[in-house]
N, C-alpha and C. Protein backbone atom coordinates (compact mmCIF):
# COMPACT_ATOMS: atom_id res chain seq x y z
N MET A 1 157.39 98.20 52.13
CA MET A 1 156.55 97.75 53.25
C MET A 1 155.33 98.65 53.43
N LEU A 2 155.58 99.97 53.34
CA LEU A 2 154.47 100.91 53.50
C LEU A 2 153.44 100.73 52.39
N SER A 3 153.95 100.49 51.17
CA SER A 3 153.04 100.31 50.04
C SER A 3 152.19 99.06 50.23
N GLU A 4 152.81 97.97 50.72
CA GLU A 4 152.05 96.73 50.94
C GLU A 4 150.98 96.93 52.03
N ALA A 5 151.34 97.68 53.06
CA ALA A 5 150.38 97.94 54.15
C ALA A 5 149.19 98.73 53.64
N LEU A 6 149.47 99.74 52.79
CA LEU A 6 148.39 100.55 52.25
C LEU A 6 147.47 99.72 51.36
N GLN A 7 148.09 98.80 50.58
CA GLN A 7 147.29 97.95 49.72
C GLN A 7 146.39 97.02 50.53
N ARG A 8 146.96 96.46 51.64
CA ARG A 8 146.16 95.58 52.49
C ARG A 8 144.98 96.35 53.10
N ASN A 9 145.25 97.58 53.55
CA ASN A 9 144.19 98.40 54.13
C ASN A 9 143.10 98.70 53.11
N ALA A 10 143.53 98.99 51.87
CA ALA A 10 142.57 99.30 50.82
C ALA A 10 141.67 98.10 50.54
N LYS A 11 142.31 96.90 50.48
CA LYS A 11 141.52 95.69 50.23
C LYS A 11 140.55 95.43 51.38
N HIS A 12 141.00 95.66 52.64
CA HIS A 12 140.15 95.46 53.81
C HIS A 12 138.95 96.40 53.78
N GLU A 13 139.21 97.67 53.44
CA GLU A 13 138.13 98.65 53.37
C GLU A 13 137.15 98.28 52.26
N ALA A 14 137.69 97.77 51.15
CA ALA A 14 136.82 97.38 50.04
C ALA A 14 135.91 96.23 50.46
N ARG A 15 136.46 95.23 51.19
CA ARG A 15 135.64 94.11 51.65
C ARG A 15 134.54 94.57 52.61
N LEU A 16 134.92 95.48 53.53
CA LEU A 16 133.92 96.00 54.47
C LEU A 16 132.83 96.75 53.73
N SER A 17 133.22 97.52 52.73
CA SER A 17 132.25 98.27 51.95
C SER A 17 131.28 97.34 51.23
N ASN A 18 131.82 96.24 50.67
CA ASN A 18 130.96 95.29 49.97
C ASN A 18 129.99 94.61 50.93
N ILE A 19 130.50 94.24 52.12
CA ILE A 19 129.63 93.63 53.13
C ILE A 19 128.51 94.58 53.52
N PHE A 20 128.87 95.83 53.72
CA PHE A 20 127.90 96.84 54.12
C PHE A 20 126.83 97.01 53.05
N ARG A 21 127.25 97.03 51.79
CA ARG A 21 126.30 97.18 50.69
C ARG A 21 125.38 95.96 50.58
N CYS A 22 125.92 94.77 50.84
CA CYS A 22 125.10 93.56 50.79
C CYS A 22 124.02 93.58 51.87
N ILE A 23 124.42 94.05 53.06
CA ILE A 23 123.45 94.12 54.16
C ILE A 23 122.33 95.10 53.81
N LEU A 24 122.73 96.27 53.30
CA LEU A 24 121.74 97.28 52.96
C LEU A 24 120.82 96.82 51.84
N SER A 25 121.37 96.13 50.88
CA SER A 25 120.56 95.68 49.75
C SER A 25 119.55 94.63 50.18
N ALA A 26 119.86 93.92 51.28
CA ALA A 26 118.93 92.90 51.79
C ALA A 26 117.78 93.51 52.58
N VAL A 27 117.95 94.74 53.00
CA VAL A 27 116.91 95.42 53.76
C VAL A 27 115.93 96.08 52.80
N ASN A 28 114.65 95.98 53.12
CA ASN A 28 113.66 96.62 52.26
C ASN A 28 113.91 98.11 52.18
N GLY A 29 114.09 98.61 50.97
CA GLY A 29 114.39 100.02 50.80
C GLY A 29 115.84 100.35 51.03
N GLY A 30 116.72 99.36 51.00
CA GLY A 30 118.13 99.61 51.28
C GLY A 30 118.75 100.61 50.32
N GLN A 31 118.33 100.58 49.07
CA GLN A 31 118.89 101.51 48.10
C GLN A 31 118.59 102.95 48.47
N ARG A 32 117.44 103.15 49.07
CA ARG A 32 117.10 104.52 49.49
C ARG A 32 118.07 105.02 50.56
N PHE A 33 118.47 104.11 51.45
CA PHE A 33 119.41 104.50 52.48
C PHE A 33 120.79 104.77 51.88
N LEU A 34 121.16 104.00 50.85
CA LEU A 34 122.43 104.26 50.17
C LEU A 34 122.41 105.63 49.51
N ASP A 35 121.27 105.93 48.87
CA ASP A 35 121.14 107.24 48.23
C ASP A 35 121.23 108.36 49.24
N PHE A 36 120.58 108.13 50.40
CA PHE A 36 120.64 109.15 51.45
C PHE A 36 122.06 109.35 51.93
N ALA A 37 122.82 108.23 52.04
CA ALA A 37 124.21 108.33 52.48
C ALA A 37 125.04 109.14 51.49
N ARG A 38 124.59 109.16 50.23
CA ARG A 38 125.30 109.95 49.22
C ARG A 38 124.76 111.38 49.16
N ASN A 39 123.92 111.74 50.18
CA ASN A 39 123.34 113.07 50.27
C ASN A 39 122.34 113.36 49.17
N ASP A 40 121.76 112.29 48.60
CA ASP A 40 120.70 112.47 47.61
C ASP A 40 119.37 112.48 48.36
N ARG A 41 118.99 113.61 48.95
CA ARG A 41 117.82 113.69 49.83
C ARG A 41 116.51 113.47 49.08
N THR A 42 116.51 113.63 47.75
CA THR A 42 115.26 113.50 47.00
C THR A 42 114.71 112.09 47.07
N SER A 43 115.56 111.10 47.33
CA SER A 43 115.09 109.71 47.37
C SER A 43 114.79 109.25 48.78
N TRP A 44 115.03 110.09 49.79
CA TRP A 44 114.75 109.72 51.18
C TRP A 44 113.25 109.59 51.37
N PRO A 45 112.75 108.45 51.88
CA PRO A 45 111.31 108.18 51.88
C PRO A 45 110.52 108.97 52.90
N PHE A 46 111.19 109.66 53.83
CA PHE A 46 110.47 110.40 54.86
C PHE A 46 110.75 111.89 54.72
N THR A 47 109.78 112.69 55.16
CA THR A 47 109.95 114.13 55.08
C THR A 47 110.46 114.72 56.39
N GLU A 48 110.34 113.96 57.50
CA GLU A 48 110.78 114.47 58.78
C GLU A 48 112.30 114.51 58.86
N ASN A 49 112.81 115.45 59.64
CA ASN A 49 114.24 115.50 59.91
C ASN A 49 114.61 114.29 60.76
N LEU A 50 115.79 113.73 60.53
CA LEU A 50 116.22 112.54 61.27
C LEU A 50 116.21 112.75 62.77
N TYR A 51 116.43 113.99 63.18
CA TYR A 51 116.52 114.27 64.61
C TYR A 51 115.19 114.80 65.16
N ASN A 52 114.15 114.76 64.36
CA ASN A 52 112.86 115.28 64.81
C ASN A 52 111.72 114.38 64.35
N LEU A 53 111.97 113.06 64.39
CA LEU A 53 110.94 112.11 64.02
C LEU A 53 109.84 112.11 65.07
N PRO A 54 108.56 111.99 64.66
CA PRO A 54 107.46 112.01 65.63
C PRO A 54 107.51 110.80 66.54
N MET A 55 107.26 111.03 67.84
CA MET A 55 107.21 109.95 68.80
C MET A 55 105.83 109.30 68.74
N PRO A 56 105.75 107.99 68.95
CA PRO A 56 104.45 107.33 68.94
C PRO A 56 103.58 107.84 70.10
N GLU A 57 102.28 107.98 69.82
CA GLU A 57 101.37 108.45 70.86
C GLU A 57 101.21 107.38 71.94
N SER A 58 101.08 107.86 73.20
CA SER A 58 100.90 106.94 74.30
C SER A 58 99.51 106.31 74.23
N LYS A 59 99.45 105.02 74.51
CA LYS A 59 98.17 104.35 74.54
C LYS A 59 97.41 104.77 75.79
N PRO A 60 96.10 104.95 75.68
CA PRO A 60 95.32 105.35 76.87
C PRO A 60 95.36 104.28 77.95
N LEU A 61 95.50 104.73 79.18
CA LEU A 61 95.49 103.84 80.34
C LEU A 61 94.14 103.86 81.04
N VAL A 62 93.41 104.95 80.85
CA VAL A 62 92.10 105.10 81.51
C VAL A 62 91.05 105.43 80.45
N ALA A 63 89.93 104.76 80.52
CA ALA A 63 88.80 105.07 79.64
C ALA A 63 87.71 105.76 80.46
N VAL A 64 87.18 106.85 79.92
CA VAL A 64 86.07 107.56 80.56
C VAL A 64 84.84 107.36 79.67
N ILE A 65 83.89 106.60 80.18
CA ILE A 65 82.70 106.24 79.41
C ILE A 65 81.48 106.92 80.02
N MET A 66 80.59 107.39 79.16
CA MET A 66 79.36 108.02 79.65
C MET A 66 78.17 107.52 78.85
N GLY A 67 77.01 107.50 79.50
CA GLY A 67 75.83 106.91 78.89
C GLY A 67 75.22 107.73 77.78
N SER A 68 75.47 109.04 77.77
CA SER A 68 74.94 109.90 76.72
C SER A 68 75.79 111.16 76.63
N LYS A 69 75.63 111.86 75.51
CA LYS A 69 76.40 113.08 75.29
C LYS A 69 76.12 114.13 76.36
N SER A 70 74.90 114.13 76.88
CA SER A 70 74.53 115.12 77.90
C SER A 70 75.31 114.93 79.20
N ASP A 71 75.92 113.76 79.39
CA ASP A 71 76.71 113.50 80.59
C ASP A 71 78.10 114.14 80.53
N TRP A 72 78.47 114.68 79.37
CA TRP A 72 79.81 115.23 79.20
C TRP A 72 80.10 116.38 80.17
N ASP A 73 79.09 117.20 80.45
CA ASP A 73 79.32 118.33 81.36
C ASP A 73 79.82 117.85 82.72
N THR A 74 79.39 116.66 83.12
CA THR A 74 79.88 116.08 84.37
C THR A 74 81.19 115.33 84.17
N MET A 75 81.23 114.47 83.17
CA MET A 75 82.37 113.57 82.99
C MET A 75 83.62 114.28 82.46
N ARG A 76 83.47 115.47 81.92
CA ARG A 76 84.65 116.20 81.47
C ARG A 76 85.58 116.51 82.64
N ASN A 77 85.03 116.55 83.86
CA ASN A 77 85.87 116.78 85.03
C ASN A 77 86.84 115.63 85.26
N ALA A 78 86.44 114.44 84.89
CA ALA A 78 87.36 113.29 84.98
C ALA A 78 88.45 113.41 83.93
N VAL A 79 88.05 113.73 82.70
CA VAL A 79 89.02 113.85 81.61
C VAL A 79 90.02 114.97 81.88
N GLU A 80 89.53 116.10 82.33
CA GLU A 80 90.41 117.24 82.60
C GLU A 80 91.39 116.94 83.73
N THR A 81 90.94 116.20 84.72
CA THR A 81 91.83 115.84 85.83
C THR A 81 92.92 114.88 85.36
N LEU A 82 92.54 113.91 84.54
CA LEU A 82 93.52 112.98 83.98
C LEU A 82 94.53 113.72 83.10
N ASP A 83 94.03 114.66 82.30
CA ASP A 83 94.92 115.44 81.44
C ASP A 83 95.89 116.27 82.28
N GLU A 84 95.38 116.85 83.35
CA GLU A 84 96.23 117.67 84.22
C GLU A 84 97.38 116.85 84.81
N LEU A 85 97.11 115.60 85.10
CA LEU A 85 98.13 114.73 85.69
C LEU A 85 98.93 113.97 84.63
N GLY A 86 98.64 114.24 83.36
CA GLY A 86 99.41 113.64 82.29
C GLY A 86 99.17 112.15 82.10
N VAL A 87 97.97 111.69 82.42
CA VAL A 87 97.64 110.27 82.27
C VAL A 87 96.89 110.08 80.94
N PRO A 88 97.42 109.29 80.02
CA PRO A 88 96.75 109.07 78.74
C PRO A 88 95.36 108.48 78.94
N ASN A 89 94.39 109.04 78.24
CA ASN A 89 93.02 108.58 78.43
C ASN A 89 92.21 108.72 77.15
N GLU A 90 91.06 108.08 77.15
CA GLU A 90 90.13 108.20 76.05
C GLU A 90 88.73 108.39 76.62
N ALA A 91 87.87 109.04 75.86
CA ALA A 91 86.50 109.28 76.31
C ALA A 91 85.54 108.96 75.17
N ARG A 92 84.42 108.32 75.50
CA ARG A 92 83.43 107.98 74.48
C ARG A 92 82.07 107.75 75.12
N VAL A 93 81.05 107.76 74.27
CA VAL A 93 79.68 107.53 74.71
C VAL A 93 79.29 106.10 74.38
N LEU A 94 78.81 105.38 75.40
CA LEU A 94 78.28 104.03 75.25
C LEU A 94 77.08 103.90 76.19
N SER A 95 76.05 103.22 75.74
CA SER A 95 74.87 103.05 76.57
C SER A 95 74.65 101.58 76.90
N ALA A 96 74.39 101.30 78.18
CA ALA A 96 74.12 99.93 78.59
C ALA A 96 72.85 99.40 77.95
N HIS A 97 71.90 100.31 77.65
CA HIS A 97 70.61 99.89 77.13
C HIS A 97 70.47 100.11 75.63
N ARG A 98 71.01 101.21 75.11
CA ARG A 98 70.83 101.54 73.70
C ARG A 98 71.92 100.96 72.80
N THR A 99 73.09 100.69 73.36
CA THR A 99 74.18 100.08 72.58
C THR A 99 74.77 98.90 73.36
N PRO A 100 73.98 97.92 73.71
CA PRO A 100 74.48 96.82 74.56
C PRO A 100 75.62 96.03 73.92
N ASP A 101 75.53 95.78 72.60
CA ASP A 101 76.57 94.99 71.94
C ASP A 101 77.90 95.74 71.91
N ALA A 102 77.84 97.03 71.58
CA ALA A 102 79.06 97.84 71.53
C ALA A 102 79.67 97.98 72.92
N THR A 103 78.82 98.11 73.93
CA THR A 103 79.32 98.22 75.30
C THR A 103 80.03 96.95 75.74
N THR A 104 79.42 95.81 75.42
CA THR A 104 80.03 94.53 75.76
C THR A 104 81.35 94.33 75.02
N GLU A 105 81.37 94.68 73.75
CA GLU A 105 82.60 94.53 72.95
C GLU A 105 83.72 95.41 73.51
N PHE A 106 83.37 96.63 73.89
CA PHE A 106 84.37 97.53 74.48
C PHE A 106 84.93 96.93 75.76
N ALA A 107 84.06 96.48 76.64
CA ALA A 107 84.50 95.97 77.95
C ALA A 107 85.38 94.74 77.79
N ARG A 108 85.00 93.83 76.91
CA ARG A 108 85.77 92.60 76.75
C ARG A 108 87.15 92.84 76.14
N GLY A 109 87.27 93.88 75.32
CA GLY A 109 88.57 94.15 74.68
C GLY A 109 89.41 95.20 75.38
N ALA A 110 88.90 95.77 76.48
CA ALA A 110 89.58 96.89 77.13
C ALA A 110 90.98 96.52 77.62
N ALA A 111 91.11 95.43 78.31
CA ALA A 111 92.42 95.05 78.87
C ALA A 111 93.43 94.76 77.78
N ASP A 112 93.00 94.10 76.71
CA ASP A 112 93.92 93.77 75.62
C ASP A 112 94.41 95.02 74.90
N ARG A 113 93.63 96.10 74.95
CA ARG A 113 94.05 97.35 74.31
C ARG A 113 94.98 98.17 75.20
N GLY A 114 95.24 97.70 76.41
CA GLY A 114 96.17 98.40 77.28
C GLY A 114 95.52 99.25 78.34
N LEU A 115 94.19 99.31 78.36
CA LEU A 115 93.52 100.07 79.42
C LEU A 115 93.73 99.40 80.76
N ARG A 116 93.80 100.20 81.82
CA ARG A 116 94.02 99.66 83.16
C ARG A 116 92.93 100.04 84.15
N VAL A 117 92.18 101.08 83.86
CA VAL A 117 91.05 101.48 84.71
C VAL A 117 89.96 102.04 83.80
N ILE A 118 88.71 101.76 84.16
CA ILE A 118 87.57 102.29 83.41
C ILE A 118 86.70 103.12 84.36
N ILE A 119 86.38 104.33 83.93
CA ILE A 119 85.45 105.19 84.66
C ILE A 119 84.17 105.27 83.85
N ALA A 120 83.05 104.97 84.48
CA ALA A 120 81.77 104.96 83.77
C ALA A 120 80.76 105.83 84.52
N GLY A 121 80.20 106.80 83.80
CA GLY A 121 79.21 107.68 84.40
C GLY A 121 77.87 107.56 83.70
N ALA A 122 76.80 107.46 84.47
CA ALA A 122 75.47 107.37 83.89
C ALA A 122 74.45 107.83 84.91
N GLY A 123 73.27 108.20 84.41
CA GLY A 123 72.20 108.66 85.30
C GLY A 123 70.99 107.77 85.23
N GLY A 124 70.04 108.00 86.11
CA GLY A 124 68.82 107.21 86.13
C GLY A 124 69.08 105.78 86.55
N ALA A 125 68.73 104.83 85.67
CA ALA A 125 68.96 103.41 85.98
C ALA A 125 70.45 103.12 86.16
N ALA A 126 71.29 103.83 85.42
CA ALA A 126 72.75 103.82 85.64
C ALA A 126 73.36 102.42 85.69
N HIS A 127 73.02 101.58 84.72
CA HIS A 127 73.58 100.23 84.69
C HIS A 127 74.91 100.16 83.97
N LEU A 128 75.38 101.28 83.43
CA LEU A 128 76.56 101.26 82.57
C LEU A 128 77.79 100.68 83.27
N ALA A 129 78.11 101.19 84.45
CA ALA A 129 79.30 100.71 85.16
C ALA A 129 79.19 99.22 85.48
N GLY A 130 78.01 98.78 85.91
CA GLY A 130 77.82 97.38 86.25
C GLY A 130 77.93 96.46 85.05
N VAL A 131 77.37 96.88 83.92
CA VAL A 131 77.46 96.06 82.70
C VAL A 131 78.91 95.94 82.26
N ILE A 132 79.64 97.04 82.29
CA ILE A 132 81.05 97.00 81.90
C ILE A 132 81.84 96.11 82.85
N ALA A 133 81.59 96.25 84.15
CA ALA A 133 82.31 95.45 85.14
C ALA A 133 82.04 93.96 84.96
N ALA A 134 80.87 93.60 84.46
CA ALA A 134 80.53 92.20 84.27
C ALA A 134 81.33 91.54 83.16
N HIS A 135 81.96 92.37 82.29
CA HIS A 135 82.66 91.83 81.13
C HIS A 135 84.16 92.09 81.15
N THR A 136 84.70 92.55 82.25
CA THR A 136 86.15 92.80 82.32
C THR A 136 86.65 92.60 83.74
N TRP A 137 87.93 92.20 83.85
CA TRP A 137 88.52 92.09 85.18
C TRP A 137 89.12 93.42 85.64
N LEU A 138 89.14 94.41 84.76
CA LEU A 138 89.71 95.72 85.13
C LEU A 138 88.85 96.40 86.20
N PRO A 139 89.49 97.22 87.06
CA PRO A 139 88.69 97.99 88.02
C PRO A 139 87.79 98.99 87.30
N VAL A 140 86.53 99.03 87.71
CA VAL A 140 85.55 99.95 87.13
C VAL A 140 85.07 100.90 88.22
N LEU A 141 85.14 102.19 87.93
CA LEU A 141 84.72 103.23 88.87
C LEU A 141 83.46 103.89 88.34
N GLY A 142 82.42 103.90 89.14
CA GLY A 142 81.14 104.45 88.70
C GLY A 142 80.91 105.86 89.21
N VAL A 143 80.40 106.71 88.32
CA VAL A 143 80.06 108.10 88.68
C VAL A 143 78.57 108.30 88.46
N PRO A 144 77.78 108.45 89.53
CA PRO A 144 76.35 108.71 89.37
C PRO A 144 76.12 110.14 88.85
N ILE A 145 75.33 110.25 87.79
CA ILE A 145 75.04 111.56 87.20
C ILE A 145 73.77 112.13 87.82
N GLN A 146 73.75 113.45 87.97
CA GLN A 146 72.54 114.12 88.47
C GLN A 146 71.34 113.76 87.62
N SER A 147 70.17 113.60 88.25
CA SER A 147 68.96 113.20 87.54
C SER A 147 67.77 113.97 88.11
N LYS A 148 66.59 113.58 87.64
CA LYS A 148 65.37 114.22 88.15
C LYS A 148 65.16 113.92 89.63
N LEU A 149 65.80 112.87 90.11
CA LEU A 149 65.72 112.54 91.54
C LEU A 149 66.99 112.97 92.27
N GLN A 150 67.61 114.07 91.79
CA GLN A 150 68.84 114.61 92.37
C GLN A 150 70.00 113.61 92.37
N GLY A 151 69.92 112.62 91.50
CA GLY A 151 71.01 111.66 91.38
C GLY A 151 70.96 110.51 92.36
N LEU A 152 69.94 110.49 93.23
CA LEU A 152 69.86 109.40 94.21
C LEU A 152 69.60 108.06 93.53
N ASP A 153 68.77 108.06 92.47
CA ASP A 153 68.52 106.82 91.75
C ASP A 153 69.81 106.34 91.06
N SER A 154 70.57 107.29 90.51
CA SER A 154 71.85 106.94 89.87
C SER A 154 72.82 106.36 90.89
N LEU A 155 72.86 106.99 92.06
CA LEU A 155 73.78 106.54 93.11
C LEU A 155 73.45 105.12 93.56
N LEU A 156 72.18 104.86 93.85
CA LEU A 156 71.79 103.56 94.38
C LEU A 156 71.99 102.45 93.34
N SER A 157 71.65 102.72 92.07
CA SER A 157 71.78 101.69 91.06
C SER A 157 73.24 101.41 90.72
N THR A 158 74.13 102.37 90.98
CA THR A 158 75.56 102.14 90.75
C THR A 158 76.20 101.47 91.96
N ALA A 159 75.81 101.90 93.15
CA ALA A 159 76.44 101.38 94.36
C ALA A 159 75.94 100.00 94.76
N GLN A 160 74.66 99.74 94.51
CA GLN A 160 74.06 98.50 95.00
C GLN A 160 74.27 97.32 94.05
N MET A 161 75.53 97.05 93.73
CA MET A 161 75.85 95.91 92.88
C MET A 161 75.79 94.62 93.71
N PRO A 162 75.35 93.53 93.11
CA PRO A 162 75.33 92.26 93.84
C PRO A 162 76.74 91.78 94.13
N GLY A 163 76.90 91.02 95.19
CA GLY A 163 78.22 90.51 95.54
C GLY A 163 78.83 89.68 94.42
N GLY A 164 80.08 89.95 94.11
CA GLY A 164 80.79 89.21 93.08
C GLY A 164 81.22 90.06 91.91
N ILE A 165 80.51 91.15 91.63
CA ILE A 165 80.88 92.08 90.55
C ILE A 165 80.95 93.49 91.14
N PRO A 166 82.10 93.88 91.64
CA PRO A 166 82.19 95.19 92.31
C PRO A 166 82.30 96.35 91.34
N VAL A 167 81.74 97.47 91.75
CA VAL A 167 81.92 98.76 91.08
C VAL A 167 82.26 99.78 92.15
N GLY A 168 83.42 100.41 92.03
CA GLY A 168 83.78 101.45 92.99
C GLY A 168 82.98 102.70 92.70
N THR A 169 82.08 103.07 93.60
CA THR A 169 81.14 104.15 93.35
C THR A 169 81.59 105.44 94.03
N LEU A 170 81.61 106.52 93.26
CA LEU A 170 82.04 107.82 93.76
C LEU A 170 80.82 108.70 94.05
N ALA A 171 81.07 109.95 94.39
CA ALA A 171 79.98 110.88 94.71
C ALA A 171 79.18 111.25 93.48
N ILE A 172 78.01 111.78 93.70
CA ILE A 172 77.14 112.22 92.61
C ILE A 172 77.72 113.48 91.96
N GLY A 173 77.74 113.49 90.64
CA GLY A 173 78.06 114.71 89.91
C GLY A 173 79.53 114.99 89.70
N GLU A 174 79.85 116.28 89.57
CA GLU A 174 81.18 116.72 89.17
C GLU A 174 82.27 116.28 90.16
N ALA A 175 81.99 116.36 91.45
CA ALA A 175 82.97 115.94 92.45
C ALA A 175 83.30 114.46 92.28
N GLY A 176 82.28 113.66 92.01
CA GLY A 176 82.50 112.24 91.80
C GLY A 176 83.35 111.97 90.57
N ALA A 177 83.13 112.73 89.50
CA ALA A 177 83.90 112.55 88.27
C ALA A 177 85.38 112.90 88.51
N LYS A 178 85.61 114.00 89.22
CA LYS A 178 87.00 114.38 89.52
C LYS A 178 87.67 113.34 90.42
N ASN A 179 86.95 112.90 91.45
CA ASN A 179 87.54 111.92 92.37
C ASN A 179 87.72 110.56 91.70
N ALA A 180 86.87 110.23 90.75
CA ALA A 180 87.06 108.99 90.01
C ALA A 180 88.39 109.02 89.26
N ALA A 181 88.69 110.16 88.67
CA ALA A 181 89.97 110.30 87.96
C ALA A 181 91.14 110.19 88.93
N LEU A 182 91.03 110.84 90.08
CA LEU A 182 92.11 110.79 91.06
C LEU A 182 92.29 109.38 91.61
N LEU A 183 91.19 108.66 91.81
CA LEU A 183 91.28 107.29 92.28
C LEU A 183 91.91 106.39 91.22
N ALA A 184 91.55 106.63 89.95
CA ALA A 184 92.16 105.88 88.86
C ALA A 184 93.67 106.12 88.82
N VAL A 185 94.07 107.37 89.00
CA VAL A 185 95.50 107.70 89.02
C VAL A 185 96.19 107.01 90.20
N ALA A 186 95.53 106.98 91.35
CA ALA A 186 96.12 106.32 92.52
C ALA A 186 96.30 104.82 92.28
N ILE A 187 95.35 104.21 91.57
CA ILE A 187 95.48 102.79 91.22
C ILE A 187 96.69 102.58 90.33
N LEU A 188 96.84 103.43 89.33
CA LEU A 188 97.98 103.32 88.42
C LEU A 188 99.29 103.60 89.14
N ALA A 189 99.25 104.50 90.11
CA ALA A 189 100.47 104.91 90.82
C ALA A 189 101.09 103.79 91.63
N THR A 190 100.32 102.76 91.96
CA THR A 190 100.87 101.65 92.74
C THR A 190 101.94 100.87 91.96
N SER A 191 101.93 101.00 90.63
CA SER A 191 102.90 100.27 89.81
C SER A 191 103.65 101.16 88.83
N ASP A 192 103.49 102.48 88.96
CA ASP A 192 104.15 103.41 88.05
C ASP A 192 104.70 104.59 88.85
N ASP A 193 106.01 104.65 88.98
CA ASP A 193 106.63 105.69 89.80
C ASP A 193 106.42 107.09 89.24
N THR A 194 106.41 107.22 87.92
CA THR A 194 106.21 108.53 87.31
C THR A 194 104.83 109.07 87.63
N ILE A 195 103.82 108.22 87.51
CA ILE A 195 102.46 108.64 87.84
C ILE A 195 102.34 108.93 89.33
N ARG A 196 103.00 108.12 90.15
CA ARG A 196 102.96 108.36 91.60
C ARG A 196 103.53 109.73 91.94
N GLN A 197 104.63 110.09 91.32
CA GLN A 197 105.25 111.39 91.59
C GLN A 197 104.34 112.53 91.16
N LYS A 198 103.64 112.36 90.05
CA LYS A 198 102.70 113.40 89.59
C LYS A 198 101.54 113.54 90.57
N LEU A 199 101.06 112.42 91.07
CA LEU A 199 99.95 112.47 92.03
C LEU A 199 100.39 113.12 93.33
N GLU A 200 101.59 112.77 93.79
CA GLU A 200 102.11 113.38 95.02
C GLU A 200 102.28 114.89 94.84
N ALA A 201 102.77 115.31 93.68
CA ALA A 201 102.94 116.74 93.41
C ALA A 201 101.58 117.45 93.38
N PHE A 202 100.59 116.79 92.78
CA PHE A 202 99.23 117.35 92.75
C PHE A 202 98.70 117.58 94.16
N ARG A 203 98.92 116.60 95.01
CA ARG A 203 98.41 116.73 96.39
C ARG A 203 99.17 117.80 97.17
N ARG A 204 100.47 117.89 96.93
CA ARG A 204 101.25 118.95 97.60
C ARG A 204 100.75 120.33 97.17
N ASN A 205 100.55 120.51 95.89
CA ASN A 205 100.07 121.80 95.38
C ASN A 205 98.69 122.12 95.93
N GLN A 206 97.85 121.11 96.05
CA GLN A 206 96.51 121.29 96.59
C GLN A 206 96.58 121.74 98.05
N SER A 207 97.46 121.11 98.81
CA SER A 207 97.61 121.48 100.23
C SER A 207 98.16 122.89 100.37
N GLU A 208 99.14 123.22 99.54
CA GLU A 208 99.73 124.56 99.60
C GLU A 208 98.70 125.63 99.25
N ALA A 209 97.82 125.32 98.28
CA ALA A 209 96.79 126.29 97.90
C ALA A 209 95.83 126.55 99.06
N VAL A 210 95.49 125.50 99.79
CA VAL A 210 94.59 125.67 100.94
C VAL A 210 95.28 126.47 102.04
N LEU A 211 96.52 126.14 102.33
CA LEU A 211 97.24 126.81 103.43
C LEU A 211 97.56 128.27 103.11
N SER A 212 97.66 128.59 101.82
CA SER A 212 98.00 129.97 101.46
C SER A 212 96.76 130.83 101.19
N ALA A 213 95.58 130.26 101.36
CA ALA A 213 94.34 131.00 101.10
C ALA A 213 94.21 132.17 102.07
N LYS A 214 93.83 133.31 101.56
CA LYS A 214 93.63 134.52 102.37
C LYS A 214 92.14 134.82 102.48
N LEU A 215 91.70 135.02 103.70
CA LEU A 215 90.30 135.35 103.92
C LEU A 215 90.07 136.85 103.83
N PRO A 216 88.93 137.27 103.27
CA PRO A 216 88.63 138.71 103.20
C PRO A 216 88.36 139.27 104.59
N ARG A 217 88.79 140.49 104.81
CA ARG A 217 88.56 141.16 106.10
C ARG A 217 87.76 142.41 105.90
């Protein structure tokens, strides 16, 4: 009886083994996995350790756009704030006047790429935020850049959008860039608990820093 039971078990294991091999052979590269199971690491198609495979990079949720490279000194405050709060973002230069086709293409494809908020900073005529807003349903936040007119021309051309195409306009310069990032994070926080918790922690730390400030005597 024991011998018959052992034979039945052996046959069962053999059938399972054959089924397993058939499944693996049907998978692209199945033989490589069989070789790996035999500890033949030379045929394993990847160099990473099985327990240390790279995680896919997070897609950017916020885009920081500026009209020229010279605007980076201002707009970097938005990027740094987003980085501090751990919000995936991207930054690039696009001009409403010098690269109109590229700007339009970016705006129209932004939502499909997973972006949820766009921050646009420009000086002078400052049509960048308005042009982008005209081609996307995503919220667009405008940052007026300092100019020869102390940024007043940038502020007015960003804020004075005609009814129907809104642009959320922040303060002129670095403060506006930082607040644009914080406002973008607040928008995301309405539907993302992790981001909300990071924003709440940021505000708590900010309050604690103010309350713990020591004045010189």
